[in-house]
PDB file of all heavy atoms in Angstrom:
ATOM      1  N   GLY A   1     107.198  94.068  95.780  1.00  0.00           N
ATOM      2  CA  GLY A   1     108.429  93.241  95.855  1.00  0.00           C
ATOM      3  C   GLY A   1     108.258  91.882  95.113  1.00  0.00           C
ATOM      4  O   GLY A   1     109.124  91.149  95.042  1.00  0.00           O
ATOM      5  N   GLY A   2     107.081  91.646  94.615  1.00  0.00           N
ATOM      6  CA  GLY A   2     106.798  90.297  93.982  1.00  0.00           C
ATOM      7  C   GLY A   2     107.483  90.318  92.593  1.00  0.00           C
ATOM      8  O   GLY A   2     107.920  91.378  92.049  1.00  0.00           O
ATOM      9  N   GLY A   3     107.566  89.145  92.117  1.00  0.00           N
ATOM     10  CA  GLY A   3     108.143  88.953  90.778  1.00  0.00           C
ATOM     11  C   GLY A   3     108.548  87.550  90.457  1.00  0.00           C
ATOM     12  O   GLY A   3     108.047  86.620  91.095  1.00  0.00           O
ATOM     13  N   LEU A   4     109.367  87.325  89.409  1.00  0.00           N
ATOM     14  CA  LEU A   4     109.802  86.087  88.972  1.00  0.00           C
ATOM     15  C   LEU A   4     111.153  85.814  89.555  1.00  0.00           C
ATOM     16  O   LEU A   4     112.088  86.621  89.440  1.00  0.00           O
ATOM     17  CB  LEU A   4     109.791  86.003  87.461  1.00  0.00           C
ATOM     18  CG  LEU A   4     110.403  84.727  86.801  1.00  0.00           C
ATOM     19  CD1 LEU A   4     109.453  83.618  87.160  1.00  0.00           C
ATOM     20  CD2 LEU A   4     110.468  84.888  85.318  1.00  0.00           C
ATOM     21  N   VAL A   5     111.364  84.594  90.105  1.00  0.00           N
ATOM     22  CA  VAL A   5     112.630  84.204  90.669  1.00  0.00           C
ATOM     23  C   VAL A   5     112.922  82.704  90.445  1.00  0.00           C
ATOM     24  O   VAL A   5     111.923  81.995  90.375  1.00  0.00           O
ATOM     25  CB  VAL A   5     112.661  84.546  92.209  1.00  0.00           C
ATOM     26  CG1 VAL A   5     111.677  83.731  93.004  1.00  0.00           C
ATOM     27  CG2 VAL A   5     113.988  84.300  92.770  1.00  0.00           C
ATOM     28  N   GLN A   6     114.101  82.382  90.283  1.00  0.00           N
ATOM     29  CA  GLN A   6     114.432  80.893  90.071  1.00  0.00           C
ATOM     30  C   GLN A   6     114.482  80.163  91.355  1.00  0.00           C
ATOM     31  O   GLN A   6     114.615  80.684  92.454  1.00  0.00           O
ATOM     32  CB  GLN A   6     115.782  80.780  89.500  1.00  0.00           C
ATOM     33  CG  GLN A   6     115.993  81.421  88.027  1.00  0.00           C
ATOM     34  CD  GLN A   6     117.326  81.219  87.478  1.00  0.00           C
ATOM     35  OE1 GLN A   6     118.109  80.223  87.876  1.00  0.00           O
ATOM     36  NE2 GLN A   6     117.612  81.864  86.381  1.00  0.00           N
ATOM     37  N   PRO A   7     114.137  78.840  91.333  1.00  0.00           N
ATOM     38  CA  PRO A   7     114.233  78.049  92.500  1.00  0.00           C
ATOM     39  C   PRO A   7     115.544  78.219  93.229  1.00  0.00           C
ATOM     40  O   PRO A   7     116.637  78.233  92.672  1.00  0.00           O
ATOM     41  CB  PRO A   7     114.086  76.634  91.979  1.00  0.00           C
ATOM     42  CG  PRO A   7     113.288  76.781  90.738  1.00  0.00           C
ATOM     43  CD  PRO A   7     113.861  78.110  90.143  1.00  0.00           C
ATOM     44  N   GLY A   8     115.490  78.338  94.573  1.00  0.00           N
ATOM     45  CA  GLY A   8     116.597  78.558  95.316  1.00  0.00           C
ATOM     46  C   GLY A   8     116.997  79.975  95.605  1.00  0.00           C
ATOM     47  O   GLY A   8     117.826  80.382  96.420  1.00  0.00           O
ATOM     48  N   GLY A   9     116.272  80.881  94.908  1.00  0.00           N
ATOM     49  CA  GLY A   9     116.547  82.271  94.939  1.00  0.00           C
ATOM     50  C   GLY A   9     115.820  82.931  96.142  1.00  0.00           C
ATOM     51  O   GLY A   9     115.107  82.270  96.964  1.00  0.00           O
ATOM     52  N   SER A  10     115.960  84.232  96.311  1.00  0.00           N
ATOM     53  CA  SER A  10     115.421  84.961  97.399  1.00  0.00           C
ATOM     54  C   SER A  10     114.577  86.178  96.874  1.00  0.00           C
ATOM     55  O   SER A  10     114.821  86.661  95.799  1.00  0.00           O
ATOM     56  CB  SER A  10     116.511  85.469  98.338  1.00  0.00           C
ATOM     57  OG  SER A  10     117.201  84.400  98.926  1.00  0.00           O
ATOM     58  N   LEU A  11     113.697  86.586  97.726  1.00  0.00           N
ATOM     59  CA  LEU A  11     112.784  87.730  97.352  1.00  0.00           C
ATOM     60  C   LEU A  11     112.318  88.336  98.660  1.00  0.00           C
ATOM     61  O   LEU A  11     112.161  87.673  99.707  1.00  0.00           O
ATOM     62  CB  LEU A  11     111.589  87.247  96.569  1.00  0.00           C
ATOM     63  CG  LEU A  11     110.988  88.174  95.479  1.00  0.00           C
ATOM     64  CD1 LEU A  11     112.037  88.597  94.524  1.00  0.00           C
ATOM     65  CD2 LEU A  11     109.764  87.588  94.790  1.00  0.00           C
ATOM     66  N   ARG A  12     112.249  89.670  98.723  1.00  0.00           N
ATOM     67  CA  ARG A  12     111.707  90.289  99.852  1.00  0.00           C
ATOM     68  C   ARG A  12     110.446  91.139  99.573  1.00  0.00           C
ATOM     69  O   ARG A  12     110.452  91.986  98.693  1.00  0.00           O
ATOM     70  CB  ARG A  12     112.752  91.241 100.500  1.00  0.00           C
ATOM     71  CG  ARG A  12     112.290  91.713 101.908  1.00  0.00           C
ATOM     72  CD  ARG A  12     113.252  92.758 102.488  1.00  0.00           C
ATOM     73  NE  ARG A  12     113.052  94.128 102.093  1.00  0.00           N
ATOM     74  CZ  ARG A  12     113.128  95.219 102.819  1.00  0.00           C
ATOM     75  NH1 ARG A  12     113.404  95.033 104.080  1.00  0.00           N
ATOM     76  NH2 ARG A  12     113.023  96.362 102.267  1.00  0.00           N
ATOM     77  N   LEU A  13     109.378  90.789 100.223  1.00  0.00           N
ATOM     78  CA  LEU A  13     108.083  91.491 100.041  1.00  0.00           C
ATOM     79  C   LEU A  13     108.026  92.583 101.045  1.00  0.00           C
ATOM     80  O   LEU A  13     108.383  92.486 102.223  1.00  0.00           O
ATOM     81  CB  LEU A  13     106.975  90.510 100.151  1.00  0.00           C
ATOM     82  CG  LEU A  13     106.954  89.317  99.220  1.00  0.00           C
ATOM     83  CD1 LEU A  13     105.618  88.487  99.405  1.00  0.00           C
ATOM     84  CD2 LEU A  13     107.031  89.734  97.772  1.00  0.00           C
ATOM     85  N   SER A  14     107.364  93.649 100.655  1.00  0.00           N
ATOM     86  CA  SER A  14     107.140  94.835 101.577  1.00  0.00           C
ATOM     87  C   SER A  14     105.658  95.132 101.569  1.00  0.00           C
ATOM     88  O   SER A  14     104.984  94.893 100.503  1.00  0.00           O
ATOM     89  CB  SER A  14     107.964  96.008 101.144  1.00  0.00           C
ATOM     90  OG  SER A  14     109.293  95.739 101.247  1.00  0.00           O
ATOM     91  N   CYS A  15     105.150  95.625 102.695  1.00  0.00           N
ATOM     92  CA  CYS A  15     103.799  96.132 102.726  1.00  0.00           C
ATOM     93  C   CYS A  15     103.707  97.363 103.621  1.00  0.00           C
ATOM     94  O   CYS A  15     104.234  97.258 104.749  1.00  0.00           O
ATOM     95  CB  CYS A  15     102.879  94.995 103.310  1.00  0.00           C
ATOM     96  SG  CYS A  15     101.149  95.541 103.597  1.00  0.00           S
ATOM     97  N   VAL A  16     103.158  98.381 103.125  1.00  0.00           N
ATOM     98  CA  VAL A  16     102.963  99.607 103.868  1.00  0.00           C
ATOM     99  C   VAL A  16     101.493  99.801 104.209  1.00  0.00           C
ATOM    100  O   VAL A  16     100.649  99.723 103.220  1.00  0.00           O
ATOM    101  CB  VAL A  16     103.638 100.842 103.260  1.00  0.00           C
ATOM    102  CG1 VAL A  16     102.988 101.066 101.906  1.00  0.00           C
ATOM    103  CG2 VAL A  16     103.399 102.078 104.119  1.00  0.00           C
ATOM    104  N   ALA A  17     101.152 100.143 105.393  1.00  0.00           N
ATOM    105  CA  ALA A  17      99.786 100.356 105.818  1.00  0.00           C
ATOM    106  C   ALA A  17      99.518 101.862 106.029  1.00  0.00           C
ATOM    107  O   ALA A  17     100.295 102.462 106.740  1.00  0.00           O
ATOM    108  CB  ALA A  17      99.449  99.581 107.123  1.00  0.00           C
ATOM    109  N   SER A  18      98.429 102.296 105.330  1.00  0.00           N
ATOM    110  CA  SER A  18      98.029 103.655 105.642  1.00  0.00           C
ATOM    111  C   SER A  18      96.752 103.617 106.543  1.00  0.00           C
ATOM    112  O   SER A  18      95.741 103.009 106.107  1.00  0.00           O
ATOM    113  CB  SER A  18      97.685 104.286 104.296  1.00  0.00           C
ATOM    114  OG  SER A  18      97.176 105.612 104.453  1.00  0.00           O
ATOM    115  N   ALA A  19      96.890 104.100 107.673  1.00  0.00           N
ATOM    116  CA  ALA A  19      95.855 104.062 108.669  1.00  0.00           C
ATOM    117  C   ALA A  19      95.632 105.282 109.433  1.00  0.00           C
ATOM    118  O   ALA A  19      95.885 105.364 110.653  1.00  0.00           O
ATOM    119  CB  ALA A  19      96.255 102.877 109.640  1.00  0.00           C
ATOM    120  N   ASN A  20      95.083 106.237 108.743  1.00  0.00           N
ATOM    121  CA  ASN A  20      94.777 107.526 109.276  1.00  0.00           C
ATOM    122  C   ASN A  20      93.655 107.426 110.384  1.00  0.00           C
ATOM    123  O   ASN A  20      92.541 107.056 110.079  1.00  0.00           O
ATOM    124  CB  ASN A  20      94.423 108.601 108.265  1.00  0.00           C
ATOM    125  CG  ASN A  20      94.265 109.920 108.810  1.00  0.00           C
ATOM    126  OD1 ASN A  20      94.896 110.358 109.769  1.00  0.00           O
ATOM    127  ND2 ASN A  20      93.449 110.691 108.188  1.00  0.00           N
ATOM    128  N   GLY A  21      93.969 107.673 111.631  1.00  0.00           N
ATOM    129  CA  GLY A  21      93.068 107.551 112.640  1.00  0.00           C
ATOM    130  C   GLY A  21      92.849 106.229 113.215  1.00  0.00           C
ATOM    131  O   GLY A  21      92.089 105.945 114.089  1.00  0.00           O
ATOM    132  N   PHE A  22      93.647 105.260 112.755  1.00  0.00           N
ATOM    133  CA  PHE A  22      93.621 103.912 113.375  1.00  0.00           C
ATOM    134  C   PHE A  22      95.011 103.499 113.738  1.00  0.00           C
ATOM    135  O   PHE A  22      96.078 104.041 113.278  1.00  0.00           O
ATOM    136  CB  PHE A  22      93.252 102.941 112.132  1.00  0.00           C
ATOM    137  CG  PHE A  22      91.803 102.995 111.726  1.00  0.00           C
ATOM    138  CD1 PHE A  22      91.285 104.054 111.106  1.00  0.00           C
ATOM    139  CD2 PHE A  22      90.952 101.951 112.181  1.00  0.00           C
ATOM    140  CE1 PHE A  22      89.912 104.143 110.708  1.00  0.00           C
ATOM    141  CE2 PHE A  22      89.514 102.023 111.810  1.00  0.00           C
ATOM    142  CZ  PHE A  22      89.098 103.069 111.068  1.00  0.00           C
ATOM    143  N   SER A  23      95.008 102.568 114.724  1.00  0.00           N
ATOM    144  CA  SER A  23      96.280 101.999 115.180  1.00  0.00           C
ATOM    145  C   SER A  23      96.406 100.580 114.710  1.00  0.00           C
ATOM    146  O   SER A  23      95.505  99.723 114.840  1.00  0.00           O
ATOM    147  CB  SER A  23      96.277 101.967 116.740  1.00  0.00           C
ATOM    148  OG  SER A  23      96.357 103.214 117.261  1.00  0.00           O
ATOM    149  N   ILE A  24      97.650 100.287 114.093  1.00  0.00           N
ATOM    150  CA  ILE A  24      97.895  98.934 113.626  1.00  0.00           C
ATOM    151  C   ILE A  24      98.381  98.055 114.711  1.00  0.00           C
ATOM    152  O   ILE A  24      99.224  98.447 115.513  1.00  0.00           O
ATOM    153  CB  ILE A  24      98.959  98.958 112.513  1.00  0.00           C
ATOM    154  CG1 ILE A  24      98.465  99.882 111.309  1.00  0.00           C
ATOM    155  CG2 ILE A  24      99.284  97.656 111.946  1.00  0.00           C
ATOM    156  CD1 ILE A  24      97.298  99.332 110.631  1.00  0.00           C
ATOM    157  N   ARG A  25      97.808  96.827 114.741  1.00  0.00           N
ATOM    158  CA  ARG A  25      98.224  95.867 115.737  1.00  0.00           C
ATOM    159  C   ARG A  25      98.961  94.747 115.034  1.00  0.00           C
ATOM    160  O   ARG A  25     100.038  94.912 114.363  1.00  0.00           O
ATOM    161  CB  ARG A  25      97.044  95.458 116.618  1.00  0.00           C
ATOM    162  CG  ARG A  25      96.594  96.553 117.532  1.00  0.00           C
ATOM    163  CD  ARG A  25      95.381  96.262 118.409  1.00  0.00           C
ATOM    164  NE  ARG A  25      95.114  97.239 119.434  1.00  0.00           N
ATOM    165  CZ  ARG A  25      94.408  98.392 119.162  1.00  0.00           C
ATOM    166  NH1 ARG A  25      94.015  98.622 117.962  1.00  0.00           N
ATOM    167  NH2 ARG A  25      94.219  99.230 120.091  1.00  0.00           N
ATOM    168  N   ASP A  26      98.435  93.479 115.128  1.00  0.00           N
ATOM    169  CA  ASP A  26      99.066  92.356 114.486  1.00  0.00           C
ATOM    170  C   ASP A  26      99.128  92.482 112.941  1.00  0.00           C
ATOM    171  O   ASP A  26      98.137  93.090 112.397  1.00  0.00           O
ATOM    172  CB  ASP A  26      98.396  91.036 114.830  1.00  0.00           C
ATOM    173  CG  ASP A  26      98.534  90.673 116.342  1.00  0.00           C
ATOM    174  OD1 ASP A  26      99.212  91.379 117.050  1.00  0.00           O
ATOM    175  OD2 ASP A  26      97.823  89.792 116.732  1.00  0.00           O
ATOM    176  N   MET A  27     100.187  92.029 112.312  1.00  0.00           N
ATOM    177  CA  MET A  27     100.264  92.076 110.894  1.00  0.00           C
ATOM    178  C   MET A  27     100.653  90.658 110.407  1.00  0.00           C
ATOM    179  O   MET A  27     101.168  89.819 111.165  1.00  0.00           O
ATOM    180  CB  MET A  27     101.304  93.128 110.384  1.00  0.00           C
ATOM    181  CG  MET A  27     100.845  94.535 110.821  1.00  0.00           C
ATOM    182  SD  MET A  27     101.912  95.745 110.162  1.00  0.00           S
ATOM    183  CE  MET A  27     101.306  95.907 108.467  1.00  0.00           C
ATOM    184  N   GLY A  28     100.530  90.410 109.121  1.00  0.00           N
ATOM    185  CA  GLY A  28     100.909  89.117 108.621  1.00  0.00           C
ATOM    186  C   GLY A  28     100.821  89.012 107.156  1.00  0.00           C
ATOM    187  O   GLY A  28     100.524  90.013 106.397  1.00  0.00           O
ATOM    188  N   TRP A  29     101.192  87.805 106.607  1.00  0.00           N
ATOM    189  CA  TRP A  29     101.284  87.564 105.152  1.00  0.00           C
ATOM    190  C   TRP A  29     100.506  86.206 104.940  1.00  0.00           C
ATOM    191  O   TRP A  29     100.691  85.268 105.723  1.00  0.00           O
ATOM    192  CB  TRP A  29     102.675  87.363 104.656  1.00  0.00           C
ATOM    193  CG  TRP A  29     103.411  88.705 104.625  1.00  0.00           C
ATOM    194  CD1 TRP A  29     104.243  89.236 105.574  1.00  0.00           C
ATOM    195  CD2 TRP A  29     103.461  89.559 103.515  1.00  0.00           C
ATOM    196  NE1 TRP A  29     104.773  90.317 105.115  1.00  0.00           N
ATOM    197  CE2 TRP A  29     104.281  90.653 103.906  1.00  0.00           C
ATOM    198  CE3 TRP A  29     102.797  89.665 102.253  1.00  0.00           C
ATOM    199  CZ2 TRP A  29     104.616  91.796 103.034  1.00  0.00           C
ATOM    200  CZ3 TRP A  29     103.012  90.746 101.377  1.00  0.00           C
ATOM    201  CH2 TRP A  29     103.956  91.691 101.793  1.00  0.00           C
ATOM    202  N   SER A  30      99.729  86.165 103.952  1.00  0.00           N
ATOM    203  CA  SER A  30      99.021  84.987 103.397  1.00  0.00           C
ATOM    204  C   SER A  30      99.308  84.833 102.039  1.00  0.00           C
ATOM    205  O   SER A  30      99.830  85.745 101.314  1.00  0.00           O
ATOM    206  CB  SER A  30      97.446  85.105 103.736  1.00  0.00           C
ATOM    207  OG  SER A  30      97.193  85.175 105.113  1.00  0.00           O
ATOM    208  N   ARG A  31      98.991  83.617 101.410  1.00  0.00           N
ATOM    209  CA  ARG A  31      99.142  83.418  99.980  1.00  0.00           C
ATOM    210  C   ARG A  31      98.081  82.549  99.502  1.00  0.00           C
ATOM    211  O   ARG A  31      97.463  81.750 100.277  1.00  0.00           O
ATOM    212  CB  ARG A  31     100.667  82.764  99.777  1.00  0.00           C
ATOM    213  CG  ARG A  31     100.788  81.409 100.338  1.00  0.00           C
ATOM    214  CD  ARG A  31     102.181  80.968 100.196  1.00  0.00           C
ATOM    215  NE  ARG A  31     102.437  79.555 100.590  1.00  0.00           N
ATOM    216  CZ  ARG A  31     103.667  79.042 100.660  1.00  0.00           C
ATOM    217  NH1 ARG A  31     104.683  79.618 100.265  1.00  0.00           N
ATOM    218  NH2 ARG A  31     103.718  77.829 101.049  1.00  0.00           N
ATOM    219  N   GLN A  32      97.856  82.629  98.191  1.00  0.00           N
ATOM    220  CA  GLN A  32      96.959  81.783  97.573  1.00  0.00           C
ATOM    221  C   GLN A  32      97.456  81.395  96.129  1.00  0.00           C
ATOM    222  O   GLN A  32      97.686  82.310  95.337  1.00  0.00           O
ATOM    223  CB  GLN A  32      95.582  82.497  97.361  1.00  0.00           C
ATOM    224  CG  GLN A  32      94.480  81.659  96.941  1.00  0.00           C
ATOM    225  CD  GLN A  32      93.086  82.270  97.098  1.00  0.00           C
ATOM    226  OE1 GLN A  32      92.945  83.437  97.110  1.00  0.00           O
ATOM    227  NE2 GLN A  32      92.086  81.405  97.145  1.00  0.00           N
TER     228      GLN A  32
END
């Protein structure tokens, strides 16, 4: 979902976790 957008615009990021045999708990987003 990332890309180039003008100031004031909107964007939606998505993330899918593949966790075979694991259970997902807390999730989040960071940036650098």
